[in-house]
């Protein structure tokens, strides 16, 4: 299975701190490491402009990448990306080699749909809260999903969605659920709006009326 993304890399032979600074600042390269499988970890560099462009696409982080190292291609996935804390520039990337027959574990983003038409929001005036924005899954490389949809349309106030409620693609397993039912984490919920609701408003109006009546009696 070919990767949706392609990226060129070069083997890094000089591993000193001075060389790292030179590669980043003068040659505009991003440092990286390729690991996994039977081969040893391989230090590499990639062009800053190339990986910045790819990183703008969310799917880059959950897709197979055809990484060409010195002209030799291999398939990898992005396991980690470190950014500068202040400048937000990419500092380092970890690539994991993948095998068609070996399952991999990845964080996959959740896409919440139909929030604007959610019953608990549109009809009952509730608000949606998200406990998770991504989940950890295990699957073969060919089954790796770009994202997982969470349909909020039918949810009412007081109801919620857990990991076990998600419709995972065939061949994809939740890592948390594989540890047992007590790991069925909350994903999203529709809550009562604080300070809202007809009953609360009626109680507030009644309280204001009583207060006004007491003030008038005091003036007399």
C-alpha atoms as a PDB file:
ATOM      1  CA  UNK A   1       0.000   0.000   0.000  1.00  0.00           C
ATOM      2  CA  UNK A   2       1.501   3.314  -1.081  1.00  0.00           C
ATOM      3  CA  UNK A   3       1.578   6.230   1.288  1.00  0.00           C
ATOM      4  CA  UNK A   4      -0.548   9.260   0.614  1.00  0.00           C
ATOM      5  CA  UNK A   5       2.437  11.501   1.384  1.00  0.00           C
ATOM      6  CA  UNK A   6       6.025  11.494   0.141  1.00  0.00           C
ATOM      7  CA  UNK A   7       9.034  13.102   1.805  1.00  0.00           C
ATOM      8  CA  UNK A   8      12.732  13.227   0.965  1.00  0.00           C
ATOM      9  CA  UNK A   9      15.359  12.754   3.680  1.00  0.00           C
ATOM     10  CA  UNK A  10      19.127  12.634   3.937  1.00  0.00           C
ATOM     11  CA  UNK A  11      21.246  10.531   6.274  1.00  0.00           C
ATOM     12  CA  UNK A  12      22.830  12.623   9.042  1.00  0.00           C
ATOM     13  CA  UNK A  13      26.397  11.579   9.803  1.00  0.00           C
ATOM     14  CA  UNK A  14      27.588  14.512  11.923  1.00  0.00           C
ATOM     15  CA  UNK A  15      25.688  14.226  15.213  1.00  0.00           C
ATOM     16  CA  UNK A  16      27.365  17.010  17.206  1.00  0.00           C
ATOM     17  CA  UNK A  17      25.481  19.967  18.693  1.00  0.00           C
ATOM     18  CA  UNK A  18      27.337  22.394  16.456  1.00  0.00           C
ATOM     19  CA  UNK A  19      26.331  20.452  13.370  1.00  0.00           C
ATOM     20  CA  UNK A  20      22.712  20.347  14.547  1.00  0.00           C
ATOM     21  CA  UNK A  21      22.617  24.127  14.930  1.00  0.00           C
ATOM     22  CA  UNK A  22      24.195  24.581  11.514  1.00  0.00           C
ATOM     23  CA  UNK A  23      21.693  22.261   9.861  1.00  0.00           C
ATOM     24  CA  UNK A  24      18.756  24.051  11.459  1.00  0.00           C
ATOM     25  CA  UNK A  25      19.861  27.651  11.066  1.00  0.00           C
ATOM     26  CA  UNK A  26      22.006  27.736   7.945  1.00  0.00           C
ATOM     27  CA  UNK A  27      20.701  24.856   5.856  1.00  0.00           C
ATOM     28  CA  UNK A  28      17.060  25.095   7.006  1.00  0.00           C
ATOM     29  CA  UNK A  29      16.856  21.393   7.798  1.00  0.00           C
ATOM     30  CA  UNK A  30      14.796  19.559  10.423  1.00  0.00           C
ATOM     31  CA  UNK A  31      16.457  16.781  12.404  1.00  0.00           C
ATOM     32  CA  UNK A  32      14.780  13.399  12.644  1.00  0.00           C
ATOM     33  CA  UNK A  33      15.174   9.748  13.526  1.00  0.00           C
ATOM     34  CA  UNK A  34      13.837   6.670  11.725  1.00  0.00           C
ATOM     35  CA  UNK A  35      13.403   3.610  13.938  1.00  0.00           C
ATOM     36  CA  UNK A  36      11.516   0.343  14.255  1.00  0.00           C
ATOM     37  CA  UNK A  37      11.655  -2.973  12.444  1.00  0.00           C
ATOM     38  CA  UNK A  38      14.845  -4.993  12.143  1.00  0.00           C
ATOM     39  CA  UNK A  39      17.093  -2.112  11.124  1.00  0.00           C
ATOM     40  CA  UNK A  40      18.949   0.153  13.526  1.00  0.00           C
ATOM     41  CA  UNK A  41      17.705   3.703  14.228  1.00  0.00           C
ATOM     42  CA  UNK A  42      18.866   6.068  11.499  1.00  0.00           C
ATOM     43  CA  UNK A  43      19.434   9.813  12.100  1.00  0.00           C
ATOM     44  CA  UNK A  44      18.147  11.878   9.163  1.00  0.00           C
ATOM     45  CA  UNK A  45      17.331  15.428   8.135  1.00  0.00           C
ATOM     46  CA  UNK A  46      14.432  16.719   6.024  1.00  0.00           C
ATOM     47  CA  UNK A  47      13.870  20.071   4.357  1.00  0.00           C
ATOM     48  CA  UNK A  48      12.069  22.525   6.630  1.00  0.00           C
ATOM     49  CA  UNK A  49       9.779  23.851   3.882  1.00  0.00           C
ATOM     50  CA  UNK A  50       8.750  20.342   2.796  1.00  0.00           C
ATOM     51  CA  UNK A  51       7.719  19.085   6.216  1.00  0.00           C
ATOM     52  CA  UNK A  52       6.017  22.351   7.190  1.00  0.00           C
ATOM     53  CA  UNK A  53       3.797  22.032   4.123  1.00  0.00           C
ATOM     54  CA  UNK A  54       2.952  18.405   4.929  1.00  0.00           C
ATOM     55  CA  UNK A  55       2.321  19.153   8.613  1.00  0.00           C
ATOM     56  CA  UNK A  56      -0.421  21.627   7.647  1.00  0.00           C
ATOM     57  CA  UNK A  57      -2.528  18.626   6.662  1.00  0.00           C
ATOM     58  CA  UNK A  58      -3.983  16.756   9.656  1.00  0.00           C
ATOM     59  CA  UNK A  59      -3.955  13.513   7.665  1.00  0.00           C
ATOM     60  CA  UNK A  60      -0.139  13.598   7.520  1.00  0.00           C
ATOM     61  CA  UNK A  61      -0.017  12.424  11.138  1.00  0.00           C
ATOM     62  CA  UNK A  62      -2.258   9.394  10.576  1.00  0.00           C
ATOM     63  CA  UNK A  63      -1.158   8.248   7.118  1.00  0.00           C
ATOM     64  CA  UNK A  64       1.572   6.117   5.653  1.00  0.00           C
ATOM     65  CA  UNK A  65       4.455   8.249   4.420  1.00  0.00           C
ATOM     66  CA  UNK A  66       6.791   7.191   1.618  1.00  0.00           C
ATOM     67  CA  UNK A  67      10.092   8.409   3.060  1.00  0.00           C
ATOM     68  CA  UNK A  68      12.991   8.427   0.600  1.00  0.00           C
ATOM     69  CA  UNK A  69      16.336   8.337   2.445  1.00  0.00           C
ATOM     70  CA  UNK A  70      19.238   9.057   0.087  1.00  0.00           C
ATOM     71  CA  UNK A  71      17.068   7.800  -2.765  1.00  0.00           C
ATOM     72  CA  UNK A  72      15.920   4.586  -1.042  1.00  0.00           C
ATOM     73  CA  UNK A  73      12.211   4.565  -0.186  1.00  0.00           C
ATOM     74  CA  UNK A  74      10.576   3.006   2.858  1.00  0.00           C
ATOM     75  CA  UNK A  75       7.211   3.378   4.509  1.00  0.00           C
ATOM     76  CA  UNK A  76       6.893   5.141   7.839  1.00  0.00           C
ATOM     77  CA  UNK A  77       4.397   6.963  10.043  1.00  0.00           C
ATOM     78  CA  UNK A  78       5.014  10.090  12.099  1.00  0.00           C
ATOM     79  CA  UNK A  79       5.176   9.068  15.772  1.00  0.00           C
ATOM     80  CA  UNK A  80       6.236  12.378  17.289  1.00  0.00           C
ATOM     81  CA  UNK A  81       6.968  15.948  16.253  1.00  0.00           C
ATOM     82  CA  UNK A  82       8.702  18.424  18.545  1.00  0.00           C
ATOM     83  CA  UNK A  83       8.229  22.149  18.046  1.00  0.00           C
ATOM     84  CA  UNK A  84      10.074  25.133  19.464  1.00  0.00           C
ATOM     85  CA  UNK A  85       8.110  26.285  22.562  1.00  0.00           C
ATOM     86  CA  UNK A  86       8.176  29.959  21.570  1.00  0.00           C
ATOM     87  CA  UNK A  87       8.551  30.053  17.783  1.00  0.00           C
ATOM     88  CA  UNK A  88       6.401  26.960  17.066  1.00  0.00           C
ATOM     89  CA  UNK A  89       8.900  25.896  14.396  1.00  0.00           C
ATOM     90  CA  UNK A  90       9.507  22.173  13.874  1.00  0.00           C
ATOM     91  CA  UNK A  91      12.642  21.019  15.694  1.00  0.00           C
ATOM     92  CA  UNK A  92      12.622  17.221  15.469  1.00  0.00           C
ATOM     93  CA  UNK A  93      10.547  14.409  13.940  1.00  0.00           C
ATOM     94  CA  UNK A  94      10.337  10.730  14.882  1.00  0.00           C
ATOM     95  CA  UNK A  95       9.462   8.329  12.056  1.00  0.00           C
ATOM     96  CA  UNK A  96       8.425   4.725  12.748  1.00  0.00           C
ATOM     97  CA  UNK A  97       9.074   2.087  10.087  1.00  0.00           C
ATOM     98  CA  UNK A  98       5.961   0.042   9.330  1.00  0.00           C
ATOM     99  CA  UNK A  99       5.383  -3.481   8.095  1.00  0.00           C
ATOM    100  CA  UNK A 100       2.260  -4.564   6.236  1.00  0.00           C
ATOM    101  CA  UNK A 101       1.882  -7.573   8.562  1.00  0.00           C
ATOM    102  CA  UNK A 102       2.595  -5.856  11.879  1.00  0.00           C
ATOM    103  CA  UNK A 103       0.014  -3.869  13.820  1.00  0.00           C
ATOM    104  CA  UNK A 104       0.925  -0.362  14.907  1.00  0.00           C
ATOM    105  CA  UNK A 105      -0.408   1.880  17.650  1.00  0.00           C
ATOM    106  CA  UNK A 106      -1.327   5.454  16.749  1.00  0.00           C
ATOM    107  CA  UNK A 107      -3.254   8.453  18.068  1.00  0.00           C
ATOM    108  CA  UNK A 108      -6.147   9.209  15.710  1.00  0.00           C
ATOM    109  CA  UNK A 109      -8.121  12.481  15.888  1.00  0.00           C
ATOM    110  CA  UNK A 110     -11.865  12.574  16.540  1.00  0.00           C
ATOM    111  CA  UNK A 111     -14.086  14.596  14.214  1.00  0.00           C
ATOM    112  CA  UNK A 112     -17.319  15.662  15.936  1.00  0.00           C
ATOM    113  CA  UNK A 113     -20.166  16.048  13.431  1.00  0.00           C
ATOM    114  CA  UNK A 114     -23.739  17.416  13.596  1.00  0.00           C
ATOM    115  CA  UNK A 115     -23.023  19.513  16.669  1.00  0.00           C
ATOM    116  CA  UNK A 116     -25.129  22.379  15.294  1.00  0.00           C
ATOM    117  CA  UNK A 117     -28.158  20.070  14.886  1.00  0.00           C
ATOM    118  CA  UNK A 118     -27.618  18.093  18.104  1.00  0.00           C
ATOM    119  CA  UNK A 119     -31.011  17.499  19.795  1.00  0.00           C
ATOM    120  CA  UNK A 120     -29.706  18.414  23.228  1.00  0.00           C
ATOM    121  CA  UNK A 121     -28.382  21.723  21.939  1.00  0.00           C
ATOM    122  CA  UNK A 122     -30.961  22.798  19.360  1.00  0.00           C
ATOM    123  CA  UNK A 123     -34.095  21.621  21.186  1.00  0.00           C
ATOM    124  CA  UNK A 124     -33.085  21.568  24.860  1.00  0.00           C
ATOM    125  CA  UNK A 125     -30.559  24.400  24.988  1.00  0.00           C
ATOM    126  CA  UNK A 126     -27.693  22.321  26.334  1.00  0.00           C
ATOM    127  CA  UNK A 127     -23.993  22.671  25.645  1.00  0.00           C
ATOM    128  CA  UNK A 128     -21.529  20.133  24.296  1.00  0.00           C
ATOM    129  CA  UNK A 129     -18.296  19.263  26.075  1.00  0.00           C
ATOM    130  CA  UNK A 130     -15.482  17.077  24.775  1.00  0.00           C
ATOM    131  CA  UNK A 131     -13.417  14.905  27.100  1.00  0.00           C
ATOM    132  CA  UNK A 132     -11.216  13.549  24.298  1.00  0.00           C
ATOM    133  CA  UNK A 133      -9.988  14.998  21.011  1.00  0.00           C
ATOM    134  CA  UNK A 134      -8.196  11.853  19.841  1.00  0.00           C
ATOM    135  CA  UNK A 135      -7.955   8.189  20.784  1.00  0.00           C
ATOM    136  CA  UNK A 136      -5.243   5.549  20.651  1.00  0.00           C
ATOM    137  CA  UNK A 137      -5.930   2.729  18.207  1.00  0.00           C
ATOM    138  CA  UNK A 138      -4.202  -0.463  17.127  1.00  0.00           C
ATOM    139  CA  UNK A 139      -4.433  -1.784  13.560  1.00  0.00           C
ATOM    140  CA  UNK A 140      -2.504  -2.906  10.517  1.00  0.00           C
ATOM    141  CA  UNK A 141      -1.029  -0.066   8.414  1.00  0.00           C
ATOM    142  CA  UNK A 142      -3.572  -0.650   5.627  1.00  0.00           C
ATOM    143  CA  UNK A 143      -6.452  -0.100   8.083  1.00  0.00           C
ATOM    144  CA  UNK A 144      -5.140   3.081   9.717  1.00  0.00           C
ATOM    145  CA  UNK A 145      -7.972   5.649   9.644  1.00  0.00           C
ATOM    146  CA  UNK A 146      -7.321   9.328   8.958  1.00  0.00           C
ATOM    147  CA  UNK A 147      -9.866  10.227  11.649  1.00  0.00           C
ATOM    148  CA  UNK A 148     -12.885   8.797  13.477  1.00  0.00           C
ATOM    149  CA  UNK A 149     -16.279  10.482  13.326  1.00  0.00           C
ATOM    150  CA  UNK A 150     -18.404  11.084  16.405  1.00  0.00           C
ATOM    151  CA  UNK A 151     -22.043  11.803  15.486  1.00  0.00           C
ATOM    152  CA  UNK A 152     -23.659  14.137  18.024  1.00  0.00           C
ATOM    153  CA  UNK A 153     -27.040  14.503  16.250  1.00  0.00           C
ATOM    154  CA  UNK A 154     -29.281  12.379  18.500  1.00  0.00           C
ATOM    155  CA  UNK A 155     -27.674  13.153  21.847  1.00  0.00           C
ATOM    156  CA  UNK A 156     -29.997  14.696  24.450  1.00  0.00           C
ATOM    157  CA  UNK A 157     -29.174  16.721  27.555  1.00  0.00           C
ATOM    158  CA  UNK A 158     -27.634  14.450  30.167  1.00  0.00           C
ATOM    159  CA  UNK A 159     -26.520  11.862  27.622  1.00  0.00           C
ATOM    160  CA  UNK A 160     -22.948  11.090  26.645  1.00  0.00           C
ATOM    161  CA  UNK A 161     -20.736   9.081  24.334  1.00  0.00           C
ATOM    162  CA  UNK A 162     -18.042   6.653  25.514  1.00  0.00           C
ATOM    163  CA  UNK A 163     -15.330   4.806  23.615  1.00  0.00           C
ATOM    164  CA  UNK A 164     -17.581   1.747  23.320  1.00  0.00           C
ATOM    165  CA  UNK A 165     -20.155   3.867  21.450  1.00  0.00           C
ATOM    166  CA  UNK A 166     -17.762   4.804  18.648  1.00  0.00           C
ATOM    167  CA  UNK A 167     -18.110   3.113  15.259  1.00  0.00           C
ATOM    168  CA  UNK A 168     -14.530   2.086  14.553  1.00  0.00           C
ATOM    169  CA  UNK A 169     -13.582   0.956  11.040  1.00  0.00           C
ATOM    170  CA  UNK A 170     -13.087  -2.755  10.449  1.00  0.00           C
ATOM    171  CA  UNK A 171      -9.723  -3.949  11.704  1.00  0.00           C
ATOM    172  CA  UNK A 172      -9.291  -0.995  14.081  1.00  0.00           C
ATOM    173  CA  UNK A 173      -9.279  -1.552  17.849  1.00  0.00           C
ATOM    174  CA  UNK A 174      -9.358   0.892  20.762  1.00  0.00           C
ATOM    175  CA  UNK A 175      -6.250   0.371  22.874  1.00  0.00           C
ATOM    176  CA  UNK A 176      -8.022   1.565  26.032  1.00  0.00           C
ATOM    177  CA  UNK A 177     -10.961  -0.834  25.585  1.00  0.00           C
ATOM    178  CA  UNK A 178      -8.564  -3.724  25.023  1.00  0.00           C
ATOM    179  CA  UNK A 179      -7.661  -3.356  28.720  1.00  0.00           C
ATOM    180  CA  UNK A 180     -11.246  -3.970  29.875  1.00  0.00           C
ATOM    181  CA  UNK A 181     -14.644  -2.344  30.334  1.00  0.00           C
ATOM    182  CA  UNK A 182     -13.384  -0.152  33.182  1.00  0.00           C
ATOM    183  CA  UNK A 183     -11.301   1.705  30.563  1.00  0.00           C
ATOM    184  CA  UNK A 184     -14.399   2.800  28.613  1.00  0.00           C
ATOM    185  CA  UNK A 185     -13.480   6.485  28.675  1.00  0.00           C
ATOM    186  CA  UNK A 186     -15.900   9.378  28.261  1.00  0.00           C
ATOM    187  CA  UNK A 187     -15.622  10.996  24.838  1.00  0.00           C
ATOM    188  CA  UNK A 188     -18.290  13.704  24.786  1.00  0.00           C
ATOM    189  CA  UNK A 189     -21.445  14.828  26.598  1.00  0.00           C
ATOM    190  CA  UNK A 190     -24.358  17.251  26.363  1.00  0.00           C
ATOM    191  CA  UNK A 191     -24.741  19.195  29.577  1.00  0.00           C
ATOM    192  CA  UNK A 192     -27.388  21.500  31.033  1.00  0.00           C
ATOM    193  CA  UNK A 193     -26.424  25.097  30.416  1.00  0.00           C
ATOM    194  CA  UNK A 194     -25.388  26.683  33.701  1.00  0.00           C
ATOM    195  CA  UNK A 195     -27.851  29.329  34.816  1.00  0.00           C
ATOM    196  CA  UNK A 196     -30.288  28.341  32.059  1.00  0.00           C
ATOM    197  CA  UNK A 197     -33.528  26.413  31.831  1.00  0.00           C
ATOM    198  CA  UNK A 198     -37.192  27.471  32.153  1.00  0.00           C
ATOM    199  CA  UNK A 199     -37.523  26.248  35.745  1.00  0.00           C
ATOM    200  CA  UNK A 200     -34.487  28.217  36.877  1.00  0.00           C
ATOM    201  CA  UNK A 201     -35.716  31.342  35.106  1.00  0.00           C
ATOM    202  CA  UNK A 202     -39.188  30.980  36.719  1.00  0.00           C
ATOM    203  CA  UNK A 203     -37.635  30.581  40.157  1.00  0.00           C
ATOM    204  CA  UNK A 204     -35.518  33.667  39.589  1.00  0.00           C
ATOM    205  CA  UNK A 205     -38.548  35.723  38.491  1.00  0.00           C
ATOM    206  CA  UNK A 206     -40.493  34.573  41.558  1.00  0.00           C
ATOM    207  CA  UNK A 207     -37.614  35.541  43.833  1.00  0.00           C
ATOM    208  CA  UNK A 208     -37.391  38.998  42.278  1.00  0.00           C
ATOM    209  CA  UNK A 209     -41.162  39.526  42.725  1.00  0.00           C
ATOM    210  CA  UNK A 210     -40.977  38.583  46.407  1.00  0.00           C
ATOM    211  CA  UNK A 211     -38.057  40.949  46.956  1.00  0.00           C
ATOM    212  CA  UNK A 212     -39.922  43.819  45.318  1.00  0.00           C
ATOM    213  CA  UNK A 213     -42.971  43.132  47.536  1.00  0.00           C
ATOM    214  CA  UNK A 214     -40.881  43.247  50.703  1.00  0.00           C
ATOM    215  CA  UNK A 215     -39.302  46.559  49.639  1.00  0.00           C
ATOM    216  CA  UNK A 216     -42.746  48.145  49.059  1.00  0.00           C
ATOM    217  CA  UNK A 217     -43.976  46.931  52.476  1.00  0.00           C
ATOM    218  CA  UNK A 218     -40.918  48.445  54.152  1.00  0.00           C
ATOM    219  CA  UNK A 219     -41.468  51.816  52.531  1.00  0.00           C
ATOM    220  CA  UNK A 220     -45.034  51.977  53.836  1.00  0.00           C
END
